[in-house]
Amino acid sequence: MSARLDNTRINRDVSRLVDEIINHLTSIDGSDVEISLEVNATVKEGIPQNTVRTVSENCRTLKVTDFGFDE
């Protein structure tokens, strides 16, 4: 499944998906449920260097496996 989430209500949307879908699938004996999060951001004026540095540092700290910035 794939769902587009409202970035202003991300906590609500994720909570609803967990409660109404994911919990049902993970409760099945022997189930193997993989959950991933993909984030794409477009900024017309470009992303400031301090934000790139902060986000990159946080990605490393949180063990995000695939991240980067395009110019």
N, C-alpha and C. Protein backbone atom coordinates (compact mmCIF):
# COMPACT_ATOMS: atom_id res chain seq x y z
N MET A 1 0.84 -1.18 0.00
CA MET A 1 0.00 0.00 0.00
C MET A 1 0.88 1.23 0.00
N SER A 2 0.34 2.30 -0.43
CA SER A 2 1.03 3.57 -0.42
C SER A 2 -0.01 4.63 -0.09
N ALA A 3 0.36 5.60 0.74
CA ALA A 3 -0.59 6.64 1.12
C ALA A 3 0.11 7.99 1.13
N ARG A 4 -0.53 8.98 0.59
CA ARG A 4 -0.02 10.35 0.65
C ARG A 4 -0.52 10.96 1.95
N LEU A 5 0.39 11.53 2.74
CA LEU A 5 0.04 12.07 4.05
C LEU A 5 0.06 13.58 4.03
N ASP A 6 -0.79 14.19 4.83
CA ASP A 6 -0.85 15.64 4.97
C ASP A 6 0.26 16.06 5.93
N ASN A 7 1.25 16.80 5.44
CA ASN A 7 2.39 17.15 6.29
C ASN A 7 2.03 18.07 7.45
N THR A 8 0.85 18.66 7.44
CA THR A 8 0.42 19.47 8.57
C THR A 8 -0.30 18.64 9.62
N ARG A 9 -0.61 17.39 9.27
CA ARG A 9 -1.31 16.50 10.20
C ARG A 9 -0.67 15.11 10.19
N ILE A 10 0.65 15.09 10.09
CA ILE A 10 1.38 13.83 9.94
C ILE A 10 1.15 12.87 11.10
N ASN A 11 1.17 13.38 12.34
CA ASN A 11 0.98 12.51 13.50
C ASN A 11 -0.39 11.86 13.48
N ARG A 12 -1.41 12.62 13.15
CA ARG A 12 -2.77 12.09 13.08
C ARG A 12 -2.87 11.02 12.00
N ASP A 13 -2.33 11.33 10.81
CA ASP A 13 -2.44 10.41 9.69
C ASP A 13 -1.70 9.10 9.96
N VAL A 14 -0.49 9.18 10.49
CA VAL A 14 0.28 7.96 10.78
C VAL A 14 -0.43 7.15 11.85
N SER A 15 -0.92 7.82 12.87
CA SER A 15 -1.63 7.12 13.95
C SER A 15 -2.84 6.36 13.41
N ARG A 16 -3.58 6.98 12.52
CA ARG A 16 -4.75 6.32 11.94
C ARG A 16 -4.35 5.12 11.09
N LEU A 17 -3.27 5.25 10.32
CA LEU A 17 -2.81 4.12 9.51
C LEU A 17 -2.36 2.96 10.40
N VAL A 18 -1.66 3.27 11.48
CA VAL A 18 -1.23 2.23 12.41
C VAL A 18 -2.44 1.56 13.05
N ASP A 19 -3.37 2.35 13.56
CA ASP A 19 -4.55 1.79 14.24
C ASP A 19 -5.46 0.99 13.32
N GLU A 20 -5.69 1.51 12.13
CA GLU A 20 -6.72 0.93 11.27
C GLU A 20 -6.21 -0.08 10.24
N ILE A 21 -4.90 -0.12 10.01
CA ILE A 21 -4.37 -1.04 8.99
C ILE A 21 -3.20 -1.86 9.52
N ILE A 22 -2.15 -1.18 9.94
CA ILE A 22 -0.89 -1.87 10.27
C ILE A 22 -1.08 -2.82 11.45
N ASN A 23 -1.77 -2.39 12.50
CA ASN A 23 -1.99 -3.28 13.65
C ASN A 23 -2.70 -4.56 13.27
N HIS A 24 -3.64 -4.48 12.33
CA HIS A 24 -4.36 -5.69 11.89
C HIS A 24 -3.41 -6.65 11.19
N LEU A 25 -2.50 -6.12 10.39
CA LEU A 25 -1.56 -6.97 9.66
C LEU A 25 -0.49 -7.56 10.57
N THR A 26 0.03 -6.76 11.50
CA THR A 26 1.09 -7.25 12.39
C THR A 26 0.55 -8.22 13.44
N SER A 27 -0.76 -8.23 13.67
CA SER A 27 -1.33 -9.14 14.67
C SER A 27 -1.48 -10.57 14.14
N ILE A 28 -1.29 -10.77 12.86
CA ILE A 28 -1.41 -12.11 12.27
C ILE A 28 -0.13 -12.88 12.57
N ASP A 29 -0.27 -14.08 13.15
CA ASP A 29 0.89 -14.92 13.45
C ASP A 29 1.69 -15.18 12.18
N GLY A 30 2.99 -14.97 12.27
CA GLY A 30 3.87 -15.23 11.14
C GLY A 30 3.93 -14.10 10.12
N SER A 31 3.24 -13.01 10.40
CA SER A 31 3.27 -11.91 9.42
C SER A 31 4.63 -11.21 9.44
N ASP A 32 5.02 -10.74 8.29
CA ASP A 32 6.26 -9.97 8.14
C ASP A 32 5.86 -8.67 7.44
N VAL A 33 5.71 -7.62 8.21
CA VAL A 33 5.23 -6.34 7.70
C VAL A 33 6.40 -5.37 7.64
N GLU A 34 6.66 -4.84 6.47
CA GLU A 34 7.73 -3.85 6.29
C GLU A 34 7.08 -2.48 6.10
N ILE A 35 7.58 -1.51 6.85
CA ILE A 35 7.05 -0.15 6.78
C ILE A 35 8.20 0.78 6.46
N SER A 36 8.00 1.67 5.50
CA SER A 36 9.05 2.62 5.16
C SER A 36 8.45 4.01 5.03
N LEU A 37 9.31 5.00 5.10
CA LEU A 37 8.90 6.39 4.98
C LEU A 37 9.77 7.04 3.92
N GLU A 38 9.14 7.70 2.98
CA GLU A 38 9.88 8.41 1.92
C GLU A 38 9.51 9.89 1.99
N VAL A 39 10.52 10.74 1.97
CA VAL A 39 10.30 12.18 2.03
C VAL A 39 10.99 12.83 0.85
N ASN A 40 10.26 13.62 0.08
CA ASN A 40 10.82 14.40 -1.03
C ASN A 40 10.44 15.86 -0.80
N ALA A 41 11.41 16.74 -0.85
CA ALA A 41 11.14 18.17 -0.65
C ALA A 41 11.69 18.95 -1.83
N THR A 42 10.89 19.88 -2.32
CA THR A 42 11.33 20.78 -3.40
C THR A 42 11.28 22.20 -2.86
N VAL A 43 12.40 22.90 -2.98
CA VAL A 43 12.48 24.28 -2.51
C VAL A 43 13.02 25.10 -3.67
N LYS A 44 12.19 25.97 -4.24
CA LYS A 44 12.56 26.72 -5.43
C LYS A 44 13.84 27.52 -5.26
N GLU A 45 14.01 28.14 -4.10
CA GLU A 45 15.19 28.97 -3.86
C GLU A 45 16.38 28.17 -3.36
N GLY A 46 16.22 26.87 -3.19
CA GLY A 46 17.29 26.02 -2.68
C GLY A 46 17.22 25.91 -1.17
N ILE A 47 17.81 24.87 -0.65
CA ILE A 47 17.81 24.63 0.79
C ILE A 47 19.05 25.27 1.39
N PRO A 48 18.90 26.09 2.43
CA PRO A 48 20.06 26.74 3.05
C PRO A 48 21.07 25.71 3.56
N GLN A 49 22.34 26.06 3.50
CA GLN A 49 23.42 25.15 3.91
C GLN A 49 23.25 24.68 5.34
N ASN A 50 22.84 25.57 6.25
CA ASN A 50 22.68 25.15 7.65
C ASN A 50 21.58 24.10 7.79
N THR A 51 20.55 24.18 6.97
CA THR A 51 19.48 23.17 6.99
C THR A 51 19.98 21.85 6.42
N VAL A 52 20.74 21.92 5.33
CA VAL A 52 21.33 20.70 4.75
C VAL A 52 22.20 20.01 5.80
N ARG A 53 23.02 20.80 6.49
CA ARG A 53 23.93 20.25 7.50
C ARG A 53 23.12 19.61 8.65
N THR A 54 22.11 20.31 9.14
CA THR A 54 21.30 19.80 10.25
C THR A 54 20.56 18.54 9.87
N VAL A 55 19.90 18.56 8.70
CA VAL A 55 19.13 17.39 8.26
C VAL A 55 20.07 16.20 8.02
N SER A 56 21.21 16.44 7.40
CA SER A 56 22.17 15.36 7.15
C SER A 56 22.67 14.76 8.45
N GLU A 57 23.00 15.60 9.43
CA GLU A 57 23.45 15.14 10.74
C GLU A 57 22.37 14.30 11.42
N ASN A 58 21.14 14.81 11.38
CA ASN A 58 20.03 14.09 12.00
C ASN A 58 19.76 12.76 11.31
N CYS A 59 19.89 12.72 9.99
CA CYS A 59 19.71 11.46 9.26
C CYS A 59 20.75 10.44 9.70
N ARG A 60 21.99 10.87 9.83
CA ARG A 60 23.04 9.95 10.28
C ARG A 60 22.76 9.46 11.70
N THR A 61 22.38 10.38 12.58
CA THR A 61 22.10 10.02 13.98
C THR A 61 20.93 9.04 14.08
N LEU A 62 19.91 9.26 13.25
CA LEU A 62 18.72 8.40 13.27
C LEU A 62 18.87 7.16 12.40
N LYS A 63 20.07 6.96 11.84
CA LYS A 63 20.37 5.78 11.02
C LYS A 63 19.49 5.67 9.78
N VAL A 64 19.18 6.81 9.16
CA VAL A 64 18.46 6.82 7.89
C VAL A 64 19.44 6.27 6.84
N THR A 65 19.02 5.28 6.06
CA THR A 65 19.95 4.59 5.18
C THR A 65 20.15 5.26 3.82
N ASP A 66 19.19 6.04 3.37
CA ASP A 66 19.31 6.60 2.04
C ASP A 66 18.83 8.05 2.08
N PHE A 67 19.75 8.99 2.05
CA PHE A 67 19.36 10.40 2.06
C PHE A 67 20.37 11.22 1.27
N GLY A 68 19.95 12.36 0.82
CA GLY A 68 20.86 13.24 0.08
C GLY A 68 20.10 14.43 -0.45
N PHE A 69 20.86 15.34 -1.02
CA PHE A 69 20.30 16.58 -1.57
C PHE A 69 20.79 16.74 -3.00
N ASP A 70 19.90 17.13 -3.89
CA ASP A 70 20.25 17.47 -5.27
C ASP A 70 20.24 18.96 -5.43
N GLU A 71 21.05 19.44 -6.33
CA GLU A 71 21.07 20.89 -6.57
C GLU A 71 20.27 21.24 -7.80
